[in-house]
Amino acid sequence: MKLDILKNQWLDIVFEGRNKAYGAYELRRTNRKTTIKALILGAVFFSIAVATPLIINLIPKGEEQEIDRDIKITAIKLPPKKEEPKLNVPPPPPPAPKVDVIKFVKPVVAKAEEVTEEPPKIIEVKNKTLGAVTIKGDPDAVLTVEPVGTGKAAVVEEVDNQIYNTAGIEVKPDFPGGINKFYKFVGDNYQTPEEEGLKGKVYVTFVVEKDGSLTDIKVIRDIGYGTGKEAIRVLKKCPKWTPGEQNGKKVRVLYSLPITIQSAD
């Protein structure tokens, strides 16, 4: 018997005695119909894809509206700008003096390459006034006279803020009642830290001012446990001293104080 593989007769022979309800038999039986349907659908979609651009070109397009893209500019005459008054404007320069003013450069001994401005020559300052800057005079300028003073010169007393040492001063500063009273004041007010076996010296310096107050209190050396801070606290509450004097004037004097610390055994 001759079989045609394009027909489904061979399926009955292959699946003879087998379970035809299995999916493989059904798929092979309907394979021819599925293939034909796929070819037809593929041809339809292909035809639509090819014909779509032709159809779009055949559709009439609406007339595009012309848009005026020209920019029209109209010149407008603006009112003149009102100038605001300027603030913090420096005053105009003073009128030129009647006589030429030559800048006076103070002579300084320096190397030649360090000289930035040479002093005027003698012939240049003849019949001229010396000043801070060079100004061209105006012969037609009006002469002015500076106001005359009272004739009394102000006496400016030089302030002596130098700190003197007690070794070379004429009158040394003193605590009210004497230096022993000062030592007693420190001993009575100083609170020794409660640290077993603590002993040593705390060195403090301070300045006795012209009014007798103590300032610039510094701890030069301490032995720890707050001994230096305690010394500063005591000196800050110290009464005023009698200030030291030099050449009959009250002056500032540097004073040093060693404080011996000895804790109770």
C-alpha atoms as a PDB file:
ATOM      1  CA  MET A   1       0.000   0.000   0.000  1.00  0.00           C
ATOM      2  CA  LYS A   2       1.446   3.368  -1.067  1.00  0.00           C
ATOM      3  CA  LEU A   3       1.164   6.152   1.557  1.00  0.00           C
ATOM      4  CA  ASP A   4       0.883   9.887   0.932  1.00  0.00           C
ATOM      5  CA  ILE A   5       2.663  11.782   3.678  1.00  0.00           C
ATOM      6  CA  LEU A   6       0.664  14.901   2.842  1.00  0.00           C
ATOM      7  CA  LYS A   7      -2.467  13.139   3.976  1.00  0.00           C
ATOM      8  CA  ASN A   8      -3.303  11.878   7.458  1.00  0.00           C
ATOM      9  CA  GLN A   9      -3.451   8.148   6.583  1.00  0.00           C
ATOM     10  CA  TRP A  10       0.074   7.563   7.905  1.00  0.00           C
ATOM     11  CA  LEU A  11      -0.974   8.823  11.334  1.00  0.00           C
ATOM     12  CA  ASP A  12      -3.372   5.920  11.823  1.00  0.00           C
ATOM     13  CA  ILE A  13      -0.605   3.474  10.957  1.00  0.00           C
ATOM     14  CA  VAL A  14       1.984   5.167  13.267  1.00  0.00           C
ATOM     15  CA  PHE A  15      -0.429   5.498  16.186  1.00  0.00           C
ATOM     16  CA  GLU A  16      -2.062   2.109  15.685  1.00  0.00           C
ATOM     17  CA  GLY A  17      -2.331   0.399  19.041  1.00  0.00           C
ATOM     18  CA  ARG A  18      -1.261   3.628  20.877  1.00  0.00           C
ATOM     19  CA  ASN A  19      -3.126   6.171  22.903  1.00  0.00           C
ATOM     20  CA  LYS A  20      -4.617   8.523  20.317  1.00  0.00           C
ATOM     21  CA  ALA A  21      -6.023  10.726  23.059  1.00  0.00           C
ATOM     22  CA  TYR A  22      -2.432  11.879  23.702  1.00  0.00           C
ATOM     23  CA  GLY A  23      -1.703  15.403  22.488  1.00  0.00           C
ATOM     24  CA  ALA A  24       0.905  14.391  19.906  1.00  0.00           C
ATOM     25  CA  TYR A  25      -1.654  12.609  17.734  1.00  0.00           C
ATOM     26  CA  GLU A  26      -4.015  15.602  17.773  1.00  0.00           C
ATOM     27  CA  LEU A  27      -1.235  18.068  16.920  1.00  0.00           C
ATOM     28  CA  ARG A  28      -0.085  16.038  13.928  1.00  0.00           C
ATOM     29  CA  ARG A  29      -3.637  15.508  12.711  1.00  0.00           C
ATOM     30  CA  THR A  30      -4.415  19.263  12.656  1.00  0.00           C
ATOM     31  CA  ASN A  31      -0.968  20.332  11.478  1.00  0.00           C
ATOM     32  CA  ARG A  32      -1.998  20.822   7.832  1.00  0.00           C
ATOM     33  CA  LYS A  33      -4.881  23.128   8.663  1.00  0.00           C
ATOM     34  CA  THR A  34      -2.754  25.172  11.116  1.00  0.00           C
ATOM     35  CA  THR A  35      -0.025  25.684   8.495  1.00  0.00           C
ATOM     36  CA  ILE A  36      -2.480  26.867   5.840  1.00  0.00           C
ATOM     37  CA  LYS A  37      -4.086  29.345   8.261  1.00  0.00           C
ATOM     38  CA  ALA A  38      -0.683  30.720   9.226  1.00  0.00           C
ATOM     39  CA  LEU A  39       0.283  31.264   5.583  1.00  0.00           C
ATOM     40  CA  ILE A  40      -2.969  33.052   4.828  1.00  0.00           C
ATOM     41  CA  LEU A  41      -2.709  35.357   7.886  1.00  0.00           C
ATOM     42  CA  GLY A  42       0.958  36.120   7.141  1.00  0.00           C
ATOM     43  CA  ALA A  43       0.116  37.070   3.548  1.00  0.00           C
ATOM     44  CA  VAL A  44      -2.695  39.366   4.734  1.00  0.00           C
ATOM     45  CA  PHE A  45      -0.501  41.244   7.284  1.00  0.00           C
ATOM     46  CA  PHE A  46       2.306  41.559   4.759  1.00  0.00           C
ATOM     47  CA  SER A  47      -0.038  43.032   2.173  1.00  0.00           C
ATOM     48  CA  ILE A  48      -1.395  45.545   4.716  1.00  0.00           C
ATOM     49  CA  ALA A  49       2.127  46.612   5.712  1.00  0.00           C
ATOM     50  CA  VAL A  50       3.147  47.192   2.086  1.00  0.00           C
ATOM     51  CA  ALA A  51      -0.050  49.038   1.151  1.00  0.00           C
ATOM     52  CA  THR A  52      -0.214  51.358   4.206  1.00  0.00           C
ATOM     53  CA  PRO A  53       2.262  54.025   2.896  1.00  0.00           C
ATOM     54  CA  LEU A  54       0.480  54.078  -0.475  1.00  0.00           C
ATOM     55  CA  ILE A  55      -2.877  54.590   1.203  1.00  0.00           C
ATOM     56  CA  ILE A  56      -1.515  57.434   3.364  1.00  0.00           C
ATOM     57  CA  ASN A  57      -0.116  59.250   0.310  1.00  0.00           C
ATOM     58  CA  LEU A  58      -3.506  59.004  -1.436  1.00  0.00           C
ATOM     59  CA  ILE A  59      -5.312  60.753   1.439  1.00  0.00           C
ATOM     60  CA  PRO A  60      -5.635  64.506   0.563  1.00  0.00           C
ATOM     61  CA  LYS A  61      -3.856  66.852   2.988  1.00  0.00           C
ATOM     62  CA  GLY A  62      -5.413  70.037   4.319  1.00  0.00           C
ATOM     63  CA  GLU A  63      -3.870  73.365   3.323  1.00  0.00           C
ATOM     64  CA  GLU A  64      -1.346  74.560   5.853  1.00  0.00           C
ATOM     65  CA  GLN A  65      -2.133  77.911   7.335  1.00  0.00           C
ATOM     66  CA  GLU A  66       0.509  80.468   6.594  1.00  0.00           C
ATOM     67  CA  ILE A  67       2.035  81.904   9.772  1.00  0.00           C
ATOM     68  CA  ASP A  68       3.442  85.410   9.783  1.00  0.00           C
ATOM     69  CA  ARG A  69       6.816  85.017  11.365  1.00  0.00           C
ATOM     70  CA  ASP A  70       7.971  88.577  10.756  1.00  0.00           C
ATOM     71  CA  ILE A  71       8.797  90.482  13.964  1.00  0.00           C
ATOM     72  CA  LYS A  72       7.616  94.069  13.825  1.00  0.00           C
ATOM     73  CA  ILE A  73       9.566  96.563  15.933  1.00  0.00           C
ATOM     74  CA  THR A  74       8.144  99.989  16.685  1.00  0.00           C
ATOM     75  CA  ALA A  75      10.495 102.672  17.954  1.00  0.00           C
ATOM     76  CA  ILE A  76       9.203 104.462  21.069  1.00  0.00           C
ATOM     77  CA  LYS A  77      10.774 107.665  22.304  1.00  0.00           C
ATOM     78  CA  LEU A  78      11.361 107.338  26.056  1.00  0.00           C
ATOM     79  CA  PRO A  79      11.433 110.348  28.382  1.00  0.00           C
ATOM     80  CA  PRO A  80      14.896 111.449  29.569  1.00  0.00           C
ATOM     81  CA  LYS A  81      16.180 109.440  32.547  1.00  0.00           C
ATOM     82  CA  LYS A  82      16.045 111.346  35.788  1.00  0.00           C
ATOM     83  CA  GLU A  83      19.405 111.220  37.507  1.00  0.00           C
ATOM     84  CA  GLU A  84      19.261 110.391  41.191  1.00  0.00           C
ATOM     85  CA  PRO A  85      21.450 112.522  43.477  1.00  0.00           C
ATOM     86  CA  LYS A  86      24.632 110.651  44.339  1.00  0.00           C
ATOM     87  CA  LEU A  87      25.233 109.901  48.015  1.00  0.00           C
ATOM     88  CA  ASN A  88      28.568 109.977  49.854  1.00  0.00           C
ATOM     89  CA  VAL A  89      30.235 111.946  47.049  1.00  0.00           C
ATOM     90  CA  PRO A  90      33.591 113.357  48.177  1.00  0.00           C
ATOM     91  CA  PRO A  91      33.772 117.165  48.242  1.00  0.00           C
ATOM     92  CA  PRO A  92      35.493 118.906  45.326  1.00  0.00           C
ATOM     93  CA  PRO A  93      39.222 119.475  45.728  1.00  0.00           C
ATOM     94  CA  PRO A  94      40.264 122.788  47.312  1.00  0.00           C
ATOM     95  CA  PRO A  95      41.380 125.579  44.995  1.00  0.00           C
ATOM     96  CA  ALA A  96      45.053 125.767  44.109  1.00  0.00           C
ATOM     97  CA  PRO A  97      47.184 127.887  46.473  1.00  0.00           C
ATOM     98  CA  LYS A  98      48.703 131.133  45.334  1.00  0.00           C
ATOM     99  CA  VAL A  99      52.244 129.787  45.829  1.00  0.00           C
ATOM    100  CA  ASP A 100      53.512 126.460  44.516  1.00  0.00           C
ATOM    101  CA  VAL A 101      53.707 123.725  47.155  1.00  0.00           C
ATOM    102  CA  ILE A 102      56.553 121.222  46.871  1.00  0.00           C
ATOM    103  CA  LYS A 103      56.176 117.806  48.534  1.00  0.00           C
ATOM    104  CA  PHE A 104      58.748 117.385  51.277  1.00  0.00           C
ATOM    105  CA  VAL A 105      60.370 113.945  51.289  1.00  0.00           C
ATOM    106  CA  LYS A 106      62.094 113.141  54.565  1.00  0.00           C
ATOM    107  CA  PRO A 107      65.715 112.093  53.955  1.00  0.00           C
ATOM    108  CA  VAL A 108      66.302 108.423  54.853  1.00  0.00           C
ATOM    109  CA  VAL A 109      69.618 106.550  54.785  1.00  0.00           C
ATOM    110  CA  ALA A 110      69.026 103.592  52.456  1.00  0.00           C
ATOM    111  CA  LYS A 111      70.595 101.644  49.644  1.00  0.00           C
ATOM    112  CA  ALA A 112      70.417 103.135  46.170  1.00  0.00           C
ATOM    113  CA  GLU A 113      68.143 100.404  44.837  1.00  0.00           C
ATOM    114  CA  GLU A 114      65.719 100.917  47.770  1.00  0.00           C
ATOM    115  CA  VAL A 115      65.111 104.640  47.079  1.00  0.00           C
ATOM    116  CA  THR A 116      61.576 105.087  45.756  1.00  0.00           C
ATOM    117  CA  GLU A 117      61.342 108.900  45.818  1.00  0.00           C
ATOM    118  CA  GLU A 118      64.118 111.486  45.933  1.00  0.00           C
ATOM    119  CA  PRO A 119      63.815 114.634  48.069  1.00  0.00           C
ATOM    120  CA  PRO A 120      63.441 117.954  46.183  1.00  0.00           C
ATOM    121  CA  LYS A 121      66.520 119.963  45.276  1.00  0.00           C
ATOM    122  CA  ILE A 122      67.267 123.295  46.950  1.00  0.00           C
ATOM    123  CA  ILE A 123      66.570 125.267  43.788  1.00  0.00           C
ATOM    124  CA  GLU A 124      63.158 123.598  43.512  1.00  0.00           C
ATOM    125  CA  VAL A 125      61.985 124.746  46.969  1.00  0.00           C
ATOM    126  CA  LYS A 126      63.169 128.345  46.581  1.00  0.00           C
ATOM    127  CA  ASN A 127      60.259 130.770  47.138  1.00  0.00           C
ATOM    128  CA  LYS A 128      57.910 127.795  47.593  1.00  0.00           C
ATOM    129  CA  THR A 129      56.101 126.161  50.485  1.00  0.00           C
ATOM    130  CA  LEU A 130      56.863 122.656  51.738  1.00  0.00           C
ATOM    131  CA  GLY A 131      53.941 120.308  52.208  1.00  0.00           C
ATOM    132  CA  ALA A 132      52.807 116.680  52.183  1.00  0.00           C
ATOM    133  CA  VAL A 133      52.063 116.682  48.436  1.00  0.00           C
ATOM    134  CA  THR A 134      53.176 118.685  45.392  1.00  0.00           C
ATOM    135  CA  ILE A 135      50.547 121.260  44.275  1.00  0.00           C
ATOM    136  CA  LYS A 136      50.827 123.723  41.388  1.00  0.00           C
ATOM    137  CA  GLY A 137      50.101 127.223  42.660  1.00  0.00           C
ATOM    138  CA  ASP A 138      47.753 129.793  41.126  1.00  0.00           C
ATOM    139  CA  PRO A 139      49.155 133.357  41.078  1.00  0.00           C
ATOM    140  CA  ASP A 140      45.618 134.787  40.853  1.00  0.00           C
ATOM    141  CA  ALA A 141      44.321 132.850  43.871  1.00  0.00           C
ATOM    142  CA  VAL A 142      42.875 134.784  46.841  1.00  0.00           C
ATOM    143  CA  LEU A 143      45.168 134.859  49.862  1.00  0.00           C
ATOM    144  CA  THR A 144      43.698 133.269  52.974  1.00  0.00           C
ATOM    145  CA  VAL A 145      44.895 133.532  56.565  1.00  0.00           C
ATOM    146  CA  GLU A 146      44.598 130.631  59.003  1.00  0.00           C
ATOM    147  CA  PRO A 147      42.829 131.443  62.278  1.00  0.00           C
ATOM    148  CA  VAL A 148      45.199 132.527  65.043  1.00  0.00           C
ATOM    149  CA  GLY A 149      45.377 130.363  68.156  1.00  0.00           C
ATOM    150  CA  THR A 150      45.114 131.439  71.790  1.00  0.00           C
ATOM    151  CA  GLY A 151      48.877 131.351  72.284  1.00  0.00           C
ATOM    152  CA  LYS A 152      48.681 128.676  74.998  1.00  0.00           C
ATOM    153  CA  ALA A 153      50.394 125.407  74.237  1.00  0.00           C
ATOM    154  CA  ALA A 154      48.712 122.247  75.477  1.00  0.00           C
ATOM    155  CA  VAL A 155      50.935 120.241  77.792  1.00  0.00           C
ATOM    156  CA  VAL A 156      50.634 116.519  77.092  1.00  0.00           C
ATOM    157  CA  GLU A 157      51.889 114.392  79.939  1.00  0.00           C
ATOM    158  CA  GLU A 158      53.609 111.223  78.805  1.00  0.00           C
ATOM    159  CA  VAL A 159      51.952 108.109  80.259  1.00  0.00           C
ATOM    160  CA  ASP A 160      54.430 105.647  81.712  1.00  0.00           C
ATOM    161  CA  ASN A 161      53.002 102.123  81.325  1.00  0.00           C
ATOM    162  CA  GLN A 162      56.341 100.402  81.739  1.00  0.00           C
ATOM    163  CA  ILE A 163      56.415  97.520  84.216  1.00  0.00           C
ATOM    164  CA  TYR A 164      59.294  97.940  86.692  1.00  0.00           C
ATOM    165  CA  ASN A 165      61.053  95.298  88.731  1.00  0.00           C
ATOM    166  CA  THR A 166      61.213  95.570  92.508  1.00  0.00           C
ATOM    167  CA  ALA A 167      65.020  95.352  92.423  1.00  0.00           C
ATOM    168  CA  GLY A 168      65.654  98.743  90.798  1.00  0.00           C
ATOM    169  CA  ILE A 169      62.687 100.845  91.851  1.00  0.00           C
ATOM    170  CA  GLU A 170      62.938 103.822  94.201  1.00  0.00           C
ATOM    171  CA  VAL A 171      59.789 103.112  96.270  1.00  0.00           C
ATOM    172  CA  LYS A 172      58.632  99.486  96.302  1.00  0.00           C
ATOM    173  CA  PRO A 173      54.912  98.638  96.465  1.00  0.00           C
ATOM    174  CA  ASP A 174      53.716  97.536  99.892  1.00  0.00           C
ATOM    175  CA  PHE A 175      50.781  95.654 101.344  1.00  0.00           C
ATOM    176  CA  PRO A 176      48.710  97.522 103.975  1.00  0.00           C
ATOM    177  CA  GLY A 177      50.420  96.742 107.281  1.00  0.00           C
ATOM    178  CA  GLY A 178      53.610  95.378 105.695  1.00  0.00           C
ATOM    179  CA  ILE A 179      54.750  92.363 103.711  1.00  0.00           C
ATOM    180  CA  ASN A 180      54.319  90.022 106.693  1.00  0.00           C
ATOM    181  CA  LYS A 181      50.632  90.953 106.768  1.00  0.00           C
ATOM    182  CA  PHE A 182      50.443  89.969 103.094  1.00  0.00           C
ATOM    183  CA  TYR A 183      51.999  86.565 103.799  1.00  0.00           C
ATOM    184  CA  LYS A 184      49.503  86.062 106.619  1.00  0.00           C
ATOM    185  CA  PHE A 185      46.616  87.050 104.331  1.00  0.00           C
ATOM    186  CA  VAL A 186      47.682  84.449 101.759  1.00  0.00           C
ATOM    187  CA  GLY A 187      48.231  81.766 104.405  1.00  0.00           C
ATOM    188  CA  ASP A 188      44.826  82.365 106.016  1.00  0.00           C
ATOM    189  CA  ASN A 189      42.881  82.298 102.731  1.00  0.00           C
ATOM    190  CA  TYR A 190      44.791  79.602 100.805  1.00  0.00           C
ATOM    191  CA  GLN A 191      43.024  76.217 100.903  1.00  0.00           C
ATOM    192  CA  THR A 192      45.541  73.375 100.591  1.00  0.00           C
ATOM    193  CA  PRO A 193      44.276  70.359  98.596  1.00  0.00           C
ATOM    194  CA  GLU A 194      43.583  67.280 100.738  1.00  0.00           C
ATOM    195  CA  GLU A 195      46.224  65.132  99.116  1.00  0.00           C
ATOM    196  CA  GLU A 196      48.432  62.945 101.324  1.00  0.00           C
ATOM    197  CA  GLY A 197      52.150  63.686 101.045  1.00  0.00           C
ATOM    198  CA  LEU A 198      51.623  66.837  98.912  1.00  0.00           C
ATOM    199  CA  LYS A 199      54.428  69.357  99.352  1.00  0.00           C
ATOM    200  CA  GLY A 200      56.416  71.816  97.285  1.00  0.00           C
ATOM    201  CA  LYS A 201      56.369  75.453  96.142  1.00  0.00           C
ATOM    202  CA  VAL A 202      53.967  77.332  93.871  1.00  0.00           C
ATOM    203  CA  TYR A 203      55.554  80.346  92.114  1.00  0.00           C
ATOM    204  CA  VAL A 204      53.199  83.202  91.155  1.00  0.00           C
ATOM    205  CA  THR A 205      53.854  86.622  89.577  1.00  0.00           C
ATOM    206  CA  PHE A 206      51.541  89.622  89.467  1.00  0.00           C
ATOM    207  CA  VAL A 207      51.644  93.351  88.660  1.00  0.00           C
ATOM    208  CA  VAL A 208      50.885  95.987  91.282  1.00  0.00           C
ATOM    209  CA  GLU A 209      49.121  98.712  89.279  1.00  0.00           C
ATOM    210  CA  LYS A 210      49.307 102.476  89.853  1.00  0.00           C
ATOM    211  CA  ASP A 211      46.063 102.306  91.833  1.00  0.00           C
ATOM    212  CA  GLY A 212      47.345  99.418  93.987  1.00  0.00           C
ATOM    213  CA  SER A 213      45.222  96.667  92.394  1.00  0.00           C
ATOM    214  CA  LEU A 214      46.772  93.335  91.370  1.00  0.00           C
ATOM    215  CA  THR A 215      46.583  92.368  87.676  1.00  0.00           C
ATOM    216  CA  ASP A 216      48.224  89.987  85.205  1.00  0.00           C
ATOM    217  CA  ILE A 217      48.360  87.174  87.799  1.00  0.00           C
ATOM    218  CA  LYS A 218      50.298  84.237  86.351  1.00  0.00           C
ATOM    219  CA  VAL A 219      51.350  80.853  87.744  1.00  0.00           C
ATOM    220  CA  ILE A 220      54.970  80.209  86.791  1.00  0.00           C
ATOM    221  CA  ARG A 221      55.079  76.759  88.364  1.00  0.00           C
ATOM    222  CA  ASP A 222      52.738  74.653  90.483  1.00  0.00           C
ATOM    223  CA  ILE A 223      52.686  71.146  91.915  1.00  0.00           C
ATOM    224  CA  GLY A 224      49.318  70.081  90.538  1.00  0.00           C
ATOM    225  CA  TYR A 225      46.032  69.233  92.242  1.00  0.00           C
ATOM    226  CA  GLY A 226      44.735  72.797  91.629  1.00  0.00           C
ATOM    227  CA  THR A 227      47.437  74.519  93.697  1.00  0.00           C
ATOM    228  CA  GLY A 228      48.060  77.146  90.994  1.00  0.00           C
ATOM    229  CA  LYS A 229      44.371  77.982  90.507  1.00  0.00           C
ATOM    230  CA  GLU A 230      43.953  78.369  94.256  1.00  0.00           C
ATOM    231  CA  ALA A 231      46.819  80.888  94.356  1.00  0.00           C
ATOM    232  CA  ILE A 232      45.154  82.956  91.600  1.00  0.00           C
ATOM    233  CA  ARG A 233      41.851  82.884  93.502  1.00  0.00           C
ATOM    234  CA  VAL A 234      43.459  84.198  96.684  1.00  0.00           C
ATOM    235  CA  LEU A 235      45.358  87.005  94.915  1.00  0.00           C
ATOM    236  CA  LYS A 236      42.235  88.181  93.073  1.00  0.00           C
ATOM    237  CA  LYS A 237      40.521  88.891  96.419  1.00  0.00           C
ATOM    238  CA  CYS A 238      43.591  90.618  97.842  1.00  0.00           C
ATOM    239  CA  PRO A 239      43.158  94.206  99.128  1.00  0.00           C
ATOM    240  CA  LYS A 240      44.830  97.052  97.241  1.00  0.00           C
ATOM    241  CA  TRP A 241      48.483  97.768  97.841  1.00  0.00           C
ATOM    242  CA  THR A 242      50.354 101.021  98.155  1.00  0.00           C
ATOM    243  CA  PRO A 243      51.736 101.421  94.590  1.00  0.00           C
ATOM    244  CA  GLY A 244      55.427 101.762  93.819  1.00  0.00           C
ATOM    245  CA  GLU A 245      57.028 105.050  92.714  1.00  0.00           C
ATOM    246  CA  GLN A 246      59.797 106.034  90.333  1.00  0.00           C
ATOM    247  CA  ASN A 247      60.978 109.647  89.885  1.00  0.00           C
ATOM    248  CA  GLY A 248      58.126 110.826  92.103  1.00  0.00           C
ATOM    249  CA  LYS A 249      55.421 109.151  89.976  1.00  0.00           C
ATOM    250  CA  LYS A 250      53.355 106.058  90.600  1.00  0.00           C
ATOM    251  CA  VAL A 251      54.380 103.173  88.333  1.00  0.00           C
ATOM    252  CA  ARG A 252      53.490  99.559  87.610  1.00  0.00           C
ATOM    253  CA  VAL A 253      55.667  97.025  89.428  1.00  0.00           C
ATOM    254  CA  LEU A 254      56.131  93.291  88.841  1.00  0.00           C
ATOM    255  CA  TYR A 255      56.070  91.208  92.005  1.00  0.00           C
ATOM    256  CA  SER A 256      56.803  87.498  92.477  1.00  0.00           C
ATOM    257  CA  LEU A 257      55.474  85.283  95.266  1.00  0.00           C
ATOM    258  CA  PRO A 258      56.564  81.753  96.270  1.00  0.00           C
ATOM    259  CA  ILE A 259      53.937  79.783  98.237  1.00  0.00           C
ATOM    260  CA  THR A 260      55.155  76.757 100.151  1.00  0.00           C
ATOM    261  CA  ILE A 261      52.656  73.875 100.302  1.00  0.00           C
ATOM    262  CA  GLN A 262      52.881  71.299 103.081  1.00  0.00           C
ATOM    263  CA  SER A 263      49.959  68.920 103.543  1.00  0.00           C
ATOM    264  CA  ALA A 264      49.128  67.622 106.980  1.00  0.00           C
ATOM    265  CA  ASP A 265      50.494  64.097 107.686  1.00  0.00           C
END
